[in-house]
Amino acid sequence: IDANAAVKLGQIEKAKEILNEEAIDGIRQTLQGSRSDTTIMLALAKLLFDVDQWSRAEEWYRKICELEPHGFACNAMADICLNRNSLFESAEYRRKAVEADPDNMAHGLNLAKILMRTGKRQEGIALLRKRAEKAPAQIGRASCRGRG
């Protein structure tokens, strides 16, 4: 909680201090035996990512992706892989993000972009077309919800 508050205030160094190895080990021990509680893992992974501790964030995002299909976690793993220039691994996680959350337009667009970067241009273009066909319907539903 303190690390999250520090991140929100832009105090990244303070957040890094709070997220020391002892704190992480404490969370690890708390989660032992509770493999299904990914909410805590997700919060920790996001905080670690936000304070540029990507290798530590990766550990937690990987655990989440192994435990359950989670669009946000898989998309974050894809970002980490992309940062390491692991394009094909990034594409795998982008695909998992779309499978976990098929209605998320951003996941689909991210997958299309990485497919094209990895040489699967036709598949990427086909996905973009499919997303574009869905977009007007989704935008229409969103604007209708905003009225009234």
C-alpha atoms as a PDB file:
ATOM      1  CA  ILE A   1       0.000   0.000   0.000  1.00  0.00           C
ATOM      2  CA  ASP A   2       2.823   2.381   0.878  1.00  0.00           C
ATOM      3  CA  ALA A   3       4.686   1.563  -2.340  1.00  0.00           C
ATOM      4  CA  ASN A   4       1.529   2.170  -4.376  1.00  0.00           C
ATOM      5  CA  ALA A   5       1.001   5.527  -2.679  1.00  0.00           C
ATOM      6  CA  ALA A   6       4.629   6.481  -3.389  1.00  0.00           C
ATOM      7  CA  VAL A   7       4.229   5.580  -7.076  1.00  0.00           C
ATOM      8  CA  LYS A   8       1.069   7.668  -7.315  1.00  0.00           C
ATOM      9  CA  LEU A   9       2.979  10.617  -5.850  1.00  0.00           C
ATOM     10  CA  GLY A  10       5.818  10.098  -8.313  1.00  0.00           C
ATOM     11  CA  GLN A  11       8.197   9.004  -5.553  1.00  0.00           C
ATOM     12  CA  ILE A  12       9.684   6.096  -7.484  1.00  0.00           C
ATOM     13  CA  GLU A  13      12.860   5.787  -5.393  1.00  0.00           C
ATOM     14  CA  LYS A  14      10.820   5.613  -2.202  1.00  0.00           C
ATOM     15  CA  ALA A  15       8.619   2.928  -3.758  1.00  0.00           C
ATOM     16  CA  LYS A  16      11.734   0.947  -4.731  1.00  0.00           C
ATOM     17  CA  GLU A  17      12.954   1.114  -1.134  1.00  0.00           C
ATOM     18  CA  ILE A  18       9.610  -0.134   0.146  1.00  0.00           C
ATOM     19  CA  LEU A  19       9.604  -2.985  -2.387  1.00  0.00           C
ATOM     20  CA  ASN A  20      12.832  -4.432  -1.015  1.00  0.00           C
ATOM     21  CA  GLU A  21      13.670  -8.135  -1.019  1.00  0.00           C
ATOM     22  CA  GLU A  22      12.352  -8.591   2.530  1.00  0.00           C
ATOM     23  CA  ALA A  23       8.960  -7.173   1.583  1.00  0.00           C
ATOM     24  CA  ILE A  24       8.789  -9.337  -1.542  1.00  0.00           C
ATOM     25  CA  ASP A  25       9.735 -12.443   0.461  1.00  0.00           C
ATOM     26  CA  GLY A  26       6.979 -11.619   2.944  1.00  0.00           C
ATOM     27  CA  ILE A  27       4.447 -11.502   0.123  1.00  0.00           C
ATOM     28  CA  ARG A  28       5.838 -14.758  -1.288  1.00  0.00           C
ATOM     29  CA  GLN A  29       5.325 -16.456   2.092  1.00  0.00           C
ATOM     30  CA  THR A  30       1.824 -15.030   2.404  1.00  0.00           C
ATOM     31  CA  LEU A  31       0.910 -16.420  -0.996  1.00  0.00           C
ATOM     32  CA  GLN A  32       2.367 -19.887  -0.400  1.00  0.00           C
ATOM     33  CA  GLY A  33      -0.462 -22.345  -0.451  1.00  0.00           C
ATOM     34  CA  SER A  34      -2.824 -19.728  -1.914  1.00  0.00           C
ATOM     35  CA  ARG A  35      -2.091 -20.240  -5.609  1.00  0.00           C
ATOM     36  CA  SER A  36      -5.445 -18.827  -6.673  1.00  0.00           C
ATOM     37  CA  ASP A  37      -5.051 -15.328  -5.203  1.00  0.00           C
ATOM     38  CA  THR A  38      -3.688 -13.536  -8.216  1.00  0.00           C
ATOM     39  CA  THR A  39      -5.002 -10.127  -7.133  1.00  0.00           C
ATOM     40  CA  ILE A  40      -2.072  -9.600  -4.771  1.00  0.00           C
ATOM     41  CA  MET A  41       0.382 -10.922  -7.353  1.00  0.00           C
ATOM     42  CA  LEU A  42      -1.028  -8.587  -9.982  1.00  0.00           C
ATOM     43  CA  ALA A  43      -0.791  -5.546  -7.715  1.00  0.00           C
ATOM     44  CA  LEU A  44       2.801  -6.399  -6.837  1.00  0.00           C
ATOM     45  CA  ALA A  45       3.789  -7.080 -10.448  1.00  0.00           C
ATOM     46  CA  LYS A  46       2.285  -3.781 -11.593  1.00  0.00           C
ATOM     47  CA  LEU A  47       4.081  -1.865  -8.843  1.00  0.00           C
ATOM     48  CA  LEU A  48       7.394  -3.502  -9.702  1.00  0.00           C
ATOM     49  CA  PHE A  49       6.827  -2.691 -13.379  1.00  0.00           C
ATOM     50  CA  ASP A  50       5.944   0.924 -12.521  1.00  0.00           C
ATOM     51  CA  VAL A  51       9.219   1.371 -10.619  1.00  0.00           C
ATOM     52  CA  ASP A  52      11.216  -0.071 -13.546  1.00  0.00           C
ATOM     53  CA  GLN A  53      12.032  -3.356 -11.819  1.00  0.00           C
ATOM     54  CA  TRP A  54      10.988  -5.310 -14.869  1.00  0.00           C
ATOM     55  CA  SER A  55      12.812  -8.550 -14.120  1.00  0.00           C
ATOM     56  CA  ARG A  56      11.096  -8.752 -10.741  1.00  0.00           C
ATOM     57  CA  ALA A  57       7.754  -7.801 -12.299  1.00  0.00           C
ATOM     58  CA  GLU A  58       8.287 -10.468 -14.932  1.00  0.00           C
ATOM     59  CA  GLU A  59       8.548 -13.174 -12.269  1.00  0.00           C
ATOM     60  CA  TRP A  60       5.121 -12.279 -10.905  1.00  0.00           C
ATOM     61  CA  TYR A  61       3.431 -11.700 -14.253  1.00  0.00           C
ATOM     62  CA  ARG A  62       4.697 -15.116 -15.408  1.00  0.00           C
ATOM     63  CA  LYS A  63       3.204 -16.755 -12.308  1.00  0.00           C
ATOM     64  CA  ILE A  64      -0.145 -15.122 -12.974  1.00  0.00           C
ATOM     65  CA  CYS A  65      -0.118 -16.209 -16.623  1.00  0.00           C
ATOM     66  CA  GLU A  66       0.676 -19.768 -15.552  1.00  0.00           C
ATOM     67  CA  LEU A  67      -2.177 -19.799 -13.033  1.00  0.00           C
ATOM     68  CA  GLU A  68      -4.950 -18.318 -15.125  1.00  0.00           C
ATOM     69  CA  PRO A  69      -5.672 -16.684 -18.451  1.00  0.00           C
ATOM     70  CA  HIS A  70      -5.341 -13.021 -17.503  1.00  0.00           C
ATOM     71  CA  GLY A  71      -5.396 -10.444 -20.300  1.00  0.00           C
ATOM     72  CA  PHE A  72      -3.671  -7.635 -18.416  1.00  0.00           C
ATOM     73  CA  ALA A  73      -0.886  -9.866 -17.071  1.00  0.00           C
ATOM     74  CA  CYS A  74      -0.279 -11.485 -20.462  1.00  0.00           C
ATOM     75  CA  ASN A  75      -0.194  -8.084 -22.152  1.00  0.00           C
ATOM     76  CA  ALA A  76       2.289  -6.815 -19.559  1.00  0.00           C
ATOM     77  CA  MET A  77       4.460  -9.899 -20.124  1.00  0.00           C
ATOM     78  CA  ALA A  78       4.357  -9.141 -23.851  1.00  0.00           C
ATOM     79  CA  ASP A  79       5.575  -5.600 -23.120  1.00  0.00           C
ATOM     80  CA  ILE A  80       8.450  -6.952 -21.021  1.00  0.00           C
ATOM     81  CA  CYS A  81       9.404  -9.446 -23.741  1.00  0.00           C
ATOM     82  CA  LEU A  82       9.239  -6.710 -26.353  1.00  0.00           C
ATOM     83  CA  ASN A  83      11.558  -4.566 -24.239  1.00  0.00           C
ATOM     84  CA  ARG A  84      14.037  -7.479 -24.288  1.00  0.00           C
ATOM     85  CA  ASN A  85      13.612  -7.786 -28.080  1.00  0.00           C
ATOM     86  CA  SER A  86      12.038 -11.228 -27.655  1.00  0.00           C
ATOM     87  CA  LEU A  87       9.537 -10.610 -30.432  1.00  0.00           C
ATOM     88  CA  PHE A  88       8.256 -14.168 -30.803  1.00  0.00           C
ATOM     89  CA  GLU A  89       7.748 -14.602 -27.053  1.00  0.00           C
ATOM     90  CA  SER A  90       6.009 -11.232 -27.008  1.00  0.00           C
ATOM     91  CA  ALA A  91       3.700 -12.437 -29.788  1.00  0.00           C
ATOM     92  CA  GLU A  92       2.833 -15.551 -27.740  1.00  0.00           C
ATOM     93  CA  TYR A  93       1.831 -13.417 -24.761  1.00  0.00           C
ATOM     94  CA  ARG A  94      -0.104 -10.986 -26.978  1.00  0.00           C
ATOM     95  CA  ARG A  95      -2.035 -13.962 -28.343  1.00  0.00           C
ATOM     96  CA  LYS A  96      -2.737 -15.190 -24.791  1.00  0.00           C
ATOM     97  CA  ALA A  97      -3.965 -11.707 -23.834  1.00  0.00           C
ATOM     98  CA  VAL A  98      -6.432 -11.734 -26.736  1.00  0.00           C
ATOM     99  CA  GLU A  99      -7.601 -15.247 -25.829  1.00  0.00           C
ATOM    100  CA  ALA A 100      -8.137 -14.189 -22.210  1.00  0.00           C
ATOM    101  CA  ASP A 101      -9.908 -10.932 -23.087  1.00  0.00           C
ATOM    102  CA  PRO A 102     -11.143 -11.157 -26.697  1.00  0.00           C
ATOM    103  CA  ASP A 103     -13.218  -7.960 -26.548  1.00  0.00           C
ATOM    104  CA  ASN A 104     -10.265  -5.791 -25.528  1.00  0.00           C
ATOM    105  CA  MET A 105      -9.463  -3.792 -28.661  1.00  0.00           C
ATOM    106  CA  ALA A 106      -5.990  -2.791 -27.432  1.00  0.00           C
ATOM    107  CA  HIS A 107      -4.933  -6.420 -26.976  1.00  0.00           C
ATOM    108  CA  GLY A 108      -6.035  -7.206 -30.520  1.00  0.00           C
ATOM    109  CA  LEU A 109      -4.230  -4.216 -31.980  1.00  0.00           C
ATOM    110  CA  ASN A 110      -1.078  -5.064 -30.043  1.00  0.00           C
ATOM    111  CA  LEU A 111      -1.226  -8.620 -31.367  1.00  0.00           C
ATOM    112  CA  ALA A 112      -1.704  -7.417 -34.933  1.00  0.00           C
ATOM    113  CA  LYS A 113       1.320  -5.112 -34.670  1.00  0.00           C
ATOM    114  CA  ILE A 114       3.629  -7.796 -33.266  1.00  0.00           C
ATOM    115  CA  LEU A 115       2.447 -10.328 -35.837  1.00  0.00           C
ATOM    116  CA  MET A 116       3.447  -7.936 -38.594  1.00  0.00           C
ATOM    117  CA  ARG A 117       6.823  -7.296 -36.929  1.00  0.00           C
ATOM    118  CA  THR A 118       7.501 -11.032 -36.765  1.00  0.00           C
ATOM    119  CA  GLY A 119       6.802 -11.518 -40.462  1.00  0.00           C
ATOM    120  CA  LYS A 120       3.186 -12.677 -40.189  1.00  0.00           C
ATOM    121  CA  ARG A 121       1.892  -9.658 -42.067  1.00  0.00           C
ATOM    122  CA  GLN A 122      -1.174 -11.297 -43.604  1.00  0.00           C
ATOM    123  CA  GLU A 123      -2.320 -12.622 -40.231  1.00  0.00           C
ATOM    124  CA  GLY A 124      -1.734  -9.209 -38.653  1.00  0.00           C
ATOM    125  CA  ILE A 125      -3.633  -7.395 -41.412  1.00  0.00           C
ATOM    126  CA  ALA A 126      -6.505  -9.884 -41.188  1.00  0.00           C
ATOM    127  CA  LEU A 127      -6.719  -9.278 -37.446  1.00  0.00           C
ATOM    128  CA  LEU A 128      -6.728  -5.503 -37.982  1.00  0.00           C
ATOM    129  CA  ARG A 129      -9.567  -5.840 -40.494  1.00  0.00           C
ATOM    130  CA  LYS A 130     -11.526  -8.014 -38.096  1.00  0.00           C
ATOM    131  CA  ARG A 131     -11.004  -5.471 -35.301  1.00  0.00           C
ATOM    132  CA  ALA A 132     -11.988  -2.586 -37.582  1.00  0.00           C
ATOM    133  CA  GLU A 133     -15.252  -4.352 -38.434  1.00  0.00           C
ATOM    134  CA  LYS A 134     -16.022  -4.707 -34.722  1.00  0.00           C
ATOM    135  CA  ALA A 135     -14.955  -1.163 -33.823  1.00  0.00           C
ATOM    136  CA  PRO A 136     -18.027   0.752 -35.071  1.00  0.00           C
ATOM    137  CA  ALA A 137     -20.343  -1.576 -33.148  1.00  0.00           C
ATOM    138  CA  GLN A 138     -18.284  -1.264 -29.974  1.00  0.00           C
ATOM    139  CA  ILE A 139     -17.986   2.509 -30.298  1.00  0.00           C
ATOM    140  CA  GLY A 140     -21.727   2.751 -30.865  1.00  0.00           C
ATOM    141  CA  ARG A 141     -22.487   0.724 -27.746  1.00  0.00           C
ATOM    142  CA  ALA A 142     -20.084   2.818 -25.688  1.00  0.00           C
ATOM    143  CA  SER A 143     -21.595   6.113 -26.846  1.00  0.00           C
ATOM    144  CA  CYS A 144     -25.125   4.839 -26.150  1.00  0.00           C
ATOM    145  CA  ARG A 145     -24.116   3.967 -22.596  1.00  0.00           C
ATOM    146  CA  GLY A 146     -22.912   7.504 -22.066  1.00  0.00           C
ATOM    147  CA  ARG A 147     -26.305   8.981 -22.902  1.00  0.00           C
ATOM    148  CA  GLY A 148     -29.272   9.286 -20.639  1.00  0.00           C
END
